[in-house]
Amino acid sequence: MRLGLDIGSRIISAAILSDGGEFLCLKQASTPADSYLNTLSTISKLIADITAEIPYDDVIGVAVPGFVHEGVAQNSFLDSLNDKHLQADLQASLGRHVVLANSGACFTLWEARHGRAKDVDCVFGMLIDDSSWG
């Protein structure tokens, strides 16, 4: 199993997937627009809620809008995330290891492993929403 988060402009989604990539559980909450601390609190509550339903104590993957450099979010359309030590702060609040990656890279990797591109040799993915990532 894997637990992943997607931080979007309007919704933060937490999902637990089977080893084969099937959704086992999905929880969502509105993305706080006002503060970084509220975003951390929302994520912590989502993780508590989803792991109460399906116990999980391994690494959490987080899809972040913008670039991630050494655990710091940069160039995100969510201003509250920019230049924050998101990885360290999430690890401290959740008490477990967290891995961050760009939303477009996460989308492309999932499609390459479990989605429509799983049987091809080369994959290009592009995520277009409030910004574009690939």
Foldseek 3Di string as FASTA:
>chain_A
DAWEWEDDQFKIKIFDADPLGHTPDIDMDTQDLPAPVVNLVVVLVNVVVVCVVPPDAAEYEYAAAAAADCQQHDPHPRVNRHRDSNQVSNCVSNVYHYHYGHNFVVVFVCCCCRNPNVPDDDTDTWDDDPHIDD
